[in-house]
Amino acid sequence: MTACGFRNAMLVATLAGEPLYASCGYAAARRYEIPLANDLTLPVVEMRKHLPIHATCIRA
């Protein structure tokens, strides 16, 4: 991804998935709820990770 110029990654995780992504280096940025049908909501966590730049990356 860094070879294409990306420096950060962002995802939205369910609460059950938060520990998995945290173990991969993602940090919680904000929490919010996604509205669903029948007045239900899905609590989620926006997570971000900085992608290090490697000297060996070659841009196409």
C-alpha atoms as a PDB file:
ATOM      1  CA  MET A   1       0.000   0.000   0.000  1.00  0.00           C
ATOM      2  CA  THR A   2       2.806   2.425   0.757  1.00  0.00           C
ATOM      3  CA  ALA A   3       4.214   1.864  -2.732  1.00  0.00           C
ATOM      4  CA  CYS A   4       0.995   3.394  -4.051  1.00  0.00           C
ATOM      5  CA  GLY A   5       1.395   6.463  -1.838  1.00  0.00           C
ATOM      6  CA  PHE A   6      -0.884   5.496   1.051  1.00  0.00           C
ATOM      7  CA  ARG A   7       0.400   6.613   4.447  1.00  0.00           C
ATOM      8  CA  ASN A   8      -2.588   5.727   6.662  1.00  0.00           C
ATOM      9  CA  ALA A   9      -5.256   3.039   6.772  1.00  0.00           C
ATOM     10  CA  MET A  10      -8.728   3.454   8.264  1.00  0.00           C
ATOM     11  CA  LEU A  11     -11.474   0.933   8.905  1.00  0.00           C
ATOM     12  CA  VAL A  12     -14.724   0.639  10.824  1.00  0.00           C
ATOM     13  CA  ALA A  13     -14.851  -2.359  13.156  1.00  0.00           C
ATOM     14  CA  THR A  14     -17.612  -3.942  15.163  1.00  0.00           C
ATOM     15  CA  LEU A  15     -16.952  -4.079  18.898  1.00  0.00           C
ATOM     16  CA  ALA A  16     -16.197  -7.788  18.579  1.00  0.00           C
ATOM     17  CA  GLY A  17     -13.553  -7.071  15.925  1.00  0.00           C
ATOM     18  CA  GLU A  18     -11.843  -4.226  17.789  1.00  0.00           C
ATOM     19  CA  PRO A  19      -9.346  -6.463  19.667  1.00  0.00           C
ATOM     20  CA  LEU A  20      -8.322  -8.192  16.440  1.00  0.00           C
ATOM     21  CA  TYR A  21      -7.538  -4.934  14.663  1.00  0.00           C
ATOM     22  CA  ALA A  22      -5.875  -3.489  17.767  1.00  0.00           C
ATOM     23  CA  SER A  23      -3.521  -6.492  17.772  1.00  0.00           C
ATOM     24  CA  CYS A  24      -2.609  -5.562  14.181  1.00  0.00           C
ATOM     25  CA  GLY A  25      -1.601  -2.032  15.176  1.00  0.00           C
ATOM     26  CA  TYR A  26      -4.860  -0.140  14.617  1.00  0.00           C
ATOM     27  CA  ALA A  27      -5.925   2.434  17.226  1.00  0.00           C
ATOM     28  CA  ALA A  28      -9.471   3.496  18.051  1.00  0.00           C
ATOM     29  CA  ALA A  29     -10.187   6.986  16.724  1.00  0.00           C
ATOM     30  CA  ARG A  30     -13.886   7.388  17.527  1.00  0.00           C
ATOM     31  CA  ARG A  31     -16.934   5.373  18.481  1.00  0.00           C
ATOM     32  CA  TYR A  32     -20.404   5.795  17.063  1.00  0.00           C
ATOM     33  CA  GLU A  33     -23.566   3.868  16.204  1.00  0.00           C
ATOM     34  CA  ILE A  34     -24.876   2.961  12.764  1.00  0.00           C
ATOM     35  CA  PRO A  35     -28.678   3.142  12.583  1.00  0.00           C
ATOM     36  CA  LEU A  36     -30.429  -0.053  11.491  1.00  0.00           C
ATOM     37  CA  ALA A  37     -34.045  -0.998  10.850  1.00  0.00           C
ATOM     38  CA  ASN A  38     -36.610  -1.205  13.650  1.00  0.00           C
ATOM     39  CA  ASP A  39     -34.850   1.475  15.758  1.00  0.00           C
ATOM     40  CA  LEU A  40     -31.804  -0.750  16.284  1.00  0.00           C
ATOM     41  CA  THR A  41     -28.220   0.498  16.162  1.00  0.00           C
ATOM     42  CA  LEU A  42     -24.867  -1.166  15.602  1.00  0.00           C
ATOM     43  CA  PRO A  43     -22.056   0.205  17.793  1.00  0.00           C
ATOM     44  CA  VAL A  44     -18.812   0.485  15.829  1.00  0.00           C
ATOM     45  CA  VAL A  45     -15.288   1.818  16.227  1.00  0.00           C
ATOM     46  CA  GLU A  46     -13.414   3.816  13.600  1.00  0.00           C
ATOM     47  CA  MET A  47      -9.807   2.629  13.720  1.00  0.00           C
ATOM     48  CA  ARG A  48      -6.661   4.039  12.129  1.00  0.00           C
ATOM     49  CA  LYS A  49      -3.121   2.864  11.515  1.00  0.00           C
ATOM     50  CA  HIS A  50      -0.070   4.752  10.261  1.00  0.00           C
ATOM     51  CA  LEU A  51       1.751   2.904   7.483  1.00  0.00           C
ATOM     52  CA  PRO A  52       5.525   3.304   7.690  1.00  0.00           C
ATOM     53  CA  ILE A  53       7.436   4.329   4.589  1.00  0.00           C
ATOM     54  CA  HIS A  54      10.030   1.770   3.550  1.00  0.00           C
ATOM     55  CA  ALA A  55      13.119   2.756   1.586  1.00  0.00           C
ATOM     56  CA  THR A  56      12.648  -0.307  -0.628  1.00  0.00           C
ATOM     57  CA  CYS A  57       9.247   0.830  -1.948  1.00  0.00           C
ATOM     58  CA  ILE A  58       9.228   1.469  -5.680  1.00  0.00           C
ATOM     59  CA  ARG A  59       6.597   3.704  -7.241  1.00  0.00           C
ATOM     60  CA  ALA A  60       5.203   2.626 -10.580  1.00  0.00           C
END
